[in-house]
C-alpha atoms as a PDB file:
ATOM      1  CA  UNK A   1    -106.930  -8.849  48.624  1.00  0.00           C
ATOM      2  CA  UNK A   2    -106.761 -12.204  46.867  1.00  0.00           C
ATOM      3  CA  UNK A   3    -107.791 -13.920  50.103  1.00  0.00           C
ATOM      4  CA  UNK A   4    -111.027 -11.878  50.230  1.00  0.00           C
ATOM      5  CA  UNK A   5    -111.917 -12.813  46.665  1.00  0.00           C
ATOM      6  CA  UNK A   6    -111.163 -16.461  47.371  1.00  0.00           C
ATOM      7  CA  UNK A   7    -113.399 -16.453  50.439  1.00  0.00           C
ATOM      8  CA  UNK A   8    -116.275 -14.875  48.491  1.00  0.00           C
ATOM      9  CA  UNK A   9    -115.883 -17.442  45.711  1.00  0.00           C
ATOM     10  CA  UNK A  10    -115.773 -20.304  48.222  1.00  0.00           C
ATOM     11  CA  UNK A  11    -118.934 -19.020  49.929  1.00  0.00           C
ATOM     12  CA  UNK A  12    -120.774 -18.867  46.591  1.00  0.00           C
ATOM     13  CA  UNK A  13    -119.677 -22.425  45.794  1.00  0.00           C
ATOM     14  CA  UNK A  14    -120.904 -23.595  49.206  1.00  0.00           C
ATOM     15  CA  UNK A  15    -124.303 -21.998  48.627  1.00  0.00           C
ATOM     16  CA  UNK A  16    -124.739 -23.814  45.304  1.00  0.00           C
ATOM     17  CA  UNK A  17    -124.069 -27.271  46.726  1.00  0.00           C
ATOM     18  CA  UNK A  18    -126.887 -29.307  48.187  1.00  0.00           C
ATOM     19  CA  UNK A  19    -126.940 -30.293  51.826  1.00  0.00           C
ATOM     20  CA  UNK A  20    -126.151 -33.886  50.895  1.00  0.00           C
ATOM     21  CA  UNK A  21    -123.177 -32.845  48.730  1.00  0.00           C
ATOM     22  CA  UNK A  22    -121.753 -30.753  51.554  1.00  0.00           C
ATOM     23  CA  UNK A  23    -122.216 -33.576  54.049  1.00  0.00           C
ATOM     24  CA  UNK A  24    -120.560 -36.043  51.687  1.00  0.00           C
ATOM     25  CA  UNK A  25    -117.617 -33.677  51.186  1.00  0.00           C
ATOM     26  CA  UNK A  26    -117.276 -33.241  54.950  1.00  0.00           C
ATOM     27  CA  UNK A  27    -117.148 -37.021  55.373  1.00  0.00           C
ATOM     28  CA  UNK A  28    -114.468 -37.236  52.682  1.00  0.00           C
ATOM     29  CA  UNK A  29    -112.449 -34.532  54.403  1.00  0.00           C
ATOM     30  CA  UNK A  30    -112.756 -36.395  57.692  1.00  0.00           C
ATOM     31  CA  UNK A  31    -111.301 -39.517  56.096  1.00  0.00           C
ATOM     32  CA  UNK A  32    -108.506 -37.522  54.436  1.00  0.00           C
ATOM     33  CA  UNK A  33    -107.413 -35.793  57.625  1.00  0.00           C
ATOM     34  CA  UNK A  34    -107.252 -39.127  59.484  1.00  0.00           C
ATOM     35  CA  UNK A  35    -104.864 -40.539  56.882  1.00  0.00           C
ATOM     36  CA  UNK A  36    -101.377 -40.753  58.427  1.00  0.00           C
ATOM     37  CA  UNK A  37     -99.845 -39.856  55.047  1.00  0.00           C
ATOM     38  CA  UNK A  38    -101.525 -36.424  55.109  1.00  0.00           C
ATOM     39  CA  UNK A  39     -98.947 -33.721  55.740  1.00  0.00           C
ATOM     40  CA  UNK A  40     -99.391 -30.910  58.227  1.00  0.00           C
ATOM     41  CA  UNK A  41     -99.997 -28.226  55.573  1.00  0.00           C
ATOM     42  CA  UNK A  42    -102.584 -30.394  53.834  1.00  0.00           C
ATOM     43  CA  UNK A  43    -104.222 -31.298  57.134  1.00  0.00           C
ATOM     44  CA  UNK A  44    -104.577 -27.624  58.001  1.00  0.00           C
ATOM     45  CA  UNK A  45    -106.150 -26.891  54.621  1.00  0.00           C
ATOM     46  CA  UNK A  46    -108.514 -29.848  54.996  1.00  0.00           C
ATOM     47  CA  UNK A  47    -109.423 -28.736  58.521  1.00  0.00           C
ATOM     48  CA  UNK A  48    -110.164 -25.195  57.312  1.00  0.00           C
ATOM     49  CA  UNK A  49    -112.439 -26.454  54.543  1.00  0.00           C
ATOM     50  CA  UNK A  50    -114.151 -28.800  56.991  1.00  0.00           C
ATOM     51  CA  UNK A  51    -114.865 -25.991  59.442  1.00  0.00           C
ATOM     52  CA  UNK A  52    -116.414 -23.874  56.671  1.00  0.00           C
ATOM     53  CA  UNK A  53    -118.555 -26.799  55.555  1.00  0.00           C
ATOM     54  CA  UNK A  54    -119.638 -27.589  59.114  1.00  0.00           C
ATOM     55  CA  UNK A  55    -120.687 -23.977  59.712  1.00  0.00           C
ATOM     56  CA  UNK A  56    -122.594 -23.931  56.430  1.00  0.00           C
ATOM     57  CA  UNK A  57    -124.379 -27.167  57.314  1.00  0.00           C
ATOM     58  CA  UNK A  58    -125.226 -25.836  60.765  1.00  0.00           C
ATOM     59  CA  UNK A  59    -126.743 -22.712  59.218  1.00  0.00           C
ATOM     60  CA  UNK A  60    -128.828 -24.820  56.847  1.00  0.00           C
ATOM     61  CA  UNK A  61    -130.026 -27.046  59.683  1.00  0.00           C
ATOM     62  CA  UNK A  62    -131.046 -23.974  61.684  1.00  0.00           C
ATOM     63  CA  UNK A  63    -133.090 -22.711  58.723  1.00  0.00           C
ATOM     64  CA  UNK A  64    -134.736 -26.094  58.282  1.00  0.00           C
ATOM     65  CA  UNK A  65    -135.518 -26.300  62.003  1.00  0.00           C
ATOM     66  CA  UNK A  66    -137.097 -22.834  61.888  1.00  0.00           C
ATOM     67  CA  UNK A  67    -139.271 -23.834  58.930  1.00  0.00           C
ATOM     68  CA  UNK A  68    -140.381 -26.973  60.748  1.00  0.00           C
ATOM     69  CA  UNK A  69    -141.275 -24.963  63.860  1.00  0.00           C
ATOM     70  CA  UNK A  70    -143.333 -22.566  61.746  1.00  0.00           C
ATOM     71  CA  UNK A  71    -145.173 -25.456  60.100  1.00  0.00           C
ATOM     72  CA  UNK A  72    -145.833 -27.201  63.408  1.00  0.00           C
ATOM     73  CA  UNK A  73    -147.072 -24.043  65.096  1.00  0.00           C
ATOM     74  CA  UNK A  74    -149.399 -22.907  62.325  1.00  0.00           C
ATOM     75  CA  UNK A  75    -152.928 -22.606  63.655  1.00  0.00           C
ATOM     76  CA  UNK A  76    -155.461 -24.985  62.238  1.00  0.00           C
ATOM     77  CA  UNK A  77    -158.260 -23.523  60.229  1.00  0.00           C
ATOM     78  CA  UNK A  78    -161.817 -23.937  61.465  1.00  0.00           C
ATOM     79  CA  UNK A  79    -162.565 -26.239  58.537  1.00  0.00           C
ATOM     80  CA  UNK A  80    -159.946 -28.811  59.523  1.00  0.00           C
ATOM     81  CA  UNK A  81    -161.070 -31.650  61.749  1.00  0.00           C
ATOM     82  CA  UNK A  82    -158.708 -32.965  64.409  1.00  0.00           C
ATOM     83  CA  UNK A  83    -156.894 -36.123  63.421  1.00  0.00           C
ATOM     84  CA  UNK A  84    -157.638 -37.750  66.769  1.00  0.00           C
ATOM     85  CA  UNK A  85    -160.772 -37.141  68.730  1.00  0.00           C
ATOM     86  CA  UNK A  86    -159.363 -37.998  72.136  1.00  0.00           C
ATOM     87  CA  UNK A  87    -161.362 -35.634  74.327  1.00  0.00           C
ATOM     88  CA  UNK A  88    -164.809 -35.567  72.730  1.00  0.00           C
ATOM     89  CA  UNK A  89    -166.256 -37.841  75.413  1.00  0.00           C
ATOM     90  CA  UNK A  90    -165.189 -35.523  78.259  1.00  0.00           C
ATOM     91  CA  UNK A  91    -168.027 -33.185  79.247  1.00  0.00           C
ATOM     92  CA  UNK A  92    -167.249 -29.497  79.119  1.00  0.00           C
ATOM     93  CA  UNK A  93    -167.669 -27.490  82.326  1.00  0.00           C
END
């Protein structure tokens, strides 16, 4: 039961951190796990935290990518003029 509460608390903490904070923490964890002085138990704990962070970052990147796709694919309004007028000299059939 305590494990479930811990996981919920960890997830809430992850949601509150910014993307940059999570990325920085993941880089720190990467350096820690590479340290030869890191014991097996600690390495496993670091690895577990890193996996959770990586999944969280991946989810955030997916959301950002979806937002970008929506913005790119929004139709232009009739009032907006094209930024480049590349095909105005081509006669229409």
